[in-house]
Protein backbone atom coordinates (compact mmCIF):
# COMPACT_ATOMS: atom_id res chain seq x y z
CA GLN A 1 -12.97 182.93 90.83
CA VAL A 2 -15.50 180.39 91.60
CA ARG A 3 -18.44 180.65 94.24
CA VAL A 4 -20.88 177.84 95.42
CA VAL A 5 -24.09 179.10 97.46
CA GLU A 6 -26.57 177.34 98.84
CA SER A 7 -30.25 178.30 99.96
CA GLY A 8 -33.35 176.87 101.09
CA GLY A 9 -32.49 175.84 104.64
CA GLY A 10 -35.07 176.35 107.54
CA LEU A 11 -36.65 175.28 110.61
CA VAL A 12 -39.47 172.23 109.63
CA GLN A 13 -41.55 169.71 111.96
CA ALA A 14 -40.23 165.96 111.87
CA GLY A 15 -41.99 164.34 108.92
CA GLY A 16 -41.64 167.94 106.76
CA SER A 17 -39.94 168.53 103.61
CA LEU A 18 -37.11 170.92 102.30
CA ARG A 19 -35.60 171.43 99.42
CA LEU A 20 -31.99 172.86 99.07
CA SER A 21 -30.50 174.09 96.25
CA CYS A 22 -26.57 175.24 95.08
CA VAL A 23 -25.71 177.10 92.53
CA ALA A 24 -21.56 177.44 91.68
CA SER A 25 -20.88 180.34 89.48
CA GLY A 26 -17.41 181.89 88.15
CA THR A 27 -15.03 180.90 85.84
CA ILE A 28 -16.07 177.25 85.63
CA PHE A 29 -14.68 175.09 82.73
CA SER A 30 -16.38 171.73 84.19
CA ILE A 31 -17.73 170.42 87.20
CA ASN A 32 -16.89 166.48 88.22
CA ALA A 33 -19.11 165.35 90.99
CA MET A 34 -20.96 167.77 93.28
CA GLY A 35 -22.35 166.42 96.71
CA TRP A 36 -24.11 167.59 99.76
CA TYR A 37 -22.75 167.47 103.28
CA ARG A 38 -23.61 168.60 106.53
CA GLN A 39 -22.12 168.87 110.02
CA ALA A 40 -24.41 168.52 113.04
CA PRO A 41 -23.24 170.58 116.64
CA GLY A 42 -19.92 168.65 117.80
CA LYS A 43 -20.03 165.88 114.96
CA GLN A 44 -17.69 165.63 112.21
CA ARG A 45 -19.13 166.48 108.72
CA GLU A 46 -20.31 163.65 106.62
CA LEU A 47 -21.34 162.98 102.87
CA VAL A 48 -25.06 163.37 103.01
CA ALA A 49 -25.54 162.57 98.83
CA SER A 50 -23.44 162.93 95.93
CA ILE A 51 -24.17 163.14 92.26
CA THR A 52 -21.71 162.30 89.31
CA ARG A 53 -21.71 164.47 85.71
CA GLY A 54 -23.22 161.52 84.24
CA GLY A 55 -25.90 161.18 87.49
CA SER A 56 -24.94 158.83 89.34
CA THR A 57 -26.00 159.10 92.95
CA ASN A 58 -24.64 157.93 96.18
CA TYR A 59 -26.23 158.39 99.90
CA ALA A 60 -25.51 158.13 103.07
CA ASP A 61 -27.44 155.12 104.60
CA SER A 62 -29.24 157.01 107.39
CA VAL A 63 -31.28 159.29 103.93
CA LYS A 64 -31.85 156.72 101.99
CA GLY A 65 -35.22 156.80 100.51
CA ARG A 66 -35.99 160.10 102.06
CA PHE A 67 -33.34 162.11 100.29
CA THR A 68 -33.21 163.22 96.89
CA ILE A 69 -30.50 164.50 94.75
CA SER A 70 -30.35 165.70 91.19
CA ARG A 71 -28.15 167.89 89.35
CA ASP A 72 -28.67 170.23 86.26
CA ASN A 73 -25.21 170.18 83.95
CA ALA A 74 -25.93 173.62 82.22
CA LYS A 75 -26.74 175.34 84.83
CA ASN A 76 -24.12 173.93 87.10
CA THR A 77 -26.34 173.62 89.97
CA VAL A 78 -27.36 170.67 92.06
CA ASN A 79 -30.90 170.36 94.83
CA LEU A 80 -31.24 167.71 97.46
CA GLU A 81 -35.05 166.92 97.94
CA MET A 82 -35.34 166.33 102.02
CA ASN A 83 -38.91 163.85 102.91
CA SER A 84 -39.71 162.59 105.79
CA LEU A 85 -37.29 164.87 108.02
CA LYS A 86 -35.96 163.66 111.50
CA PRO A 87 -34.79 165.12 114.38
CA GLU A 88 -31.43 163.94 113.84
CA ASP A 89 -31.09 165.62 110.18
CA THR A 90 -30.27 169.00 112.40
CA ALA A 91 -27.47 170.37 110.81
CA VAL A 92 -25.96 172.63 108.74
CA TYR A 93 -25.67 171.41 105.23
CA TYR A 94 -22.70 172.07 102.64
CA CYS A 95 -22.80 172.09 99.02
CA ASN A 96 -19.48 170.85 97.63
CA ALA A 97 -19.10 170.88 93.87
CA ARG A 98 -15.33 169.45 92.54
CA LEU A 99 -14.10 171.65 89.35
CA LEU A 100 -12.05 170.27 86.81
CA SER A 101 -9.60 172.20 85.24
CA LEU A 102 -6.35 171.31 83.42
CA GLY A 103 -6.57 167.73 84.37
CA SER A 104 -6.49 168.48 88.42
CA GLU A 105 -9.45 168.39 90.53
CA TYR A 106 -10.51 171.46 93.05
CA PRO A 107 -12.94 171.18 95.71
CA TYR A 108 -15.24 174.30 96.35
CA TRP A 109 -17.54 174.60 99.35
CA GLY A 110 -20.44 176.81 100.06
CA GLN A 111 -20.59 178.84 103.04
CA GLY A 112 -23.82 176.83 104.39
CA THR A 113 -27.52 176.44 105.05
CA GLN A 114 -28.97 175.89 108.83
CA VAL A 115 -31.73 172.84 108.64
CA THR A 116 -33.45 172.40 111.72
CA VAL A 117 -35.92 169.57 112.80
CA SER A 118 -38.09 170.02 115.08
CA SER A 119 -39.77 166.86 117.10
């Protein structure tokens, strides 16, 4: 069984910073890409940032230059450093891990962590 658990959300004023962390645990052979998604009330879930096992990153245009994603392959962790936060960054943030097993990829999601940015 695999678990994906996020931590680090909270309430912050506009212009502030937060760091989100995520760890995948359980029976894991290998993890391909890991990423952070977010979903604001009334909106669809969207990709915020992703990172491959080799360290290649991809960011949503709305967070480029403000957010930084990083991972530790040995610890099965991924972090999201969020700076210069804006009220529009308010959302539930979800960690996603794409596990590899017998040539197939299986996505796992965490339960989400709330990020609220006040103006």
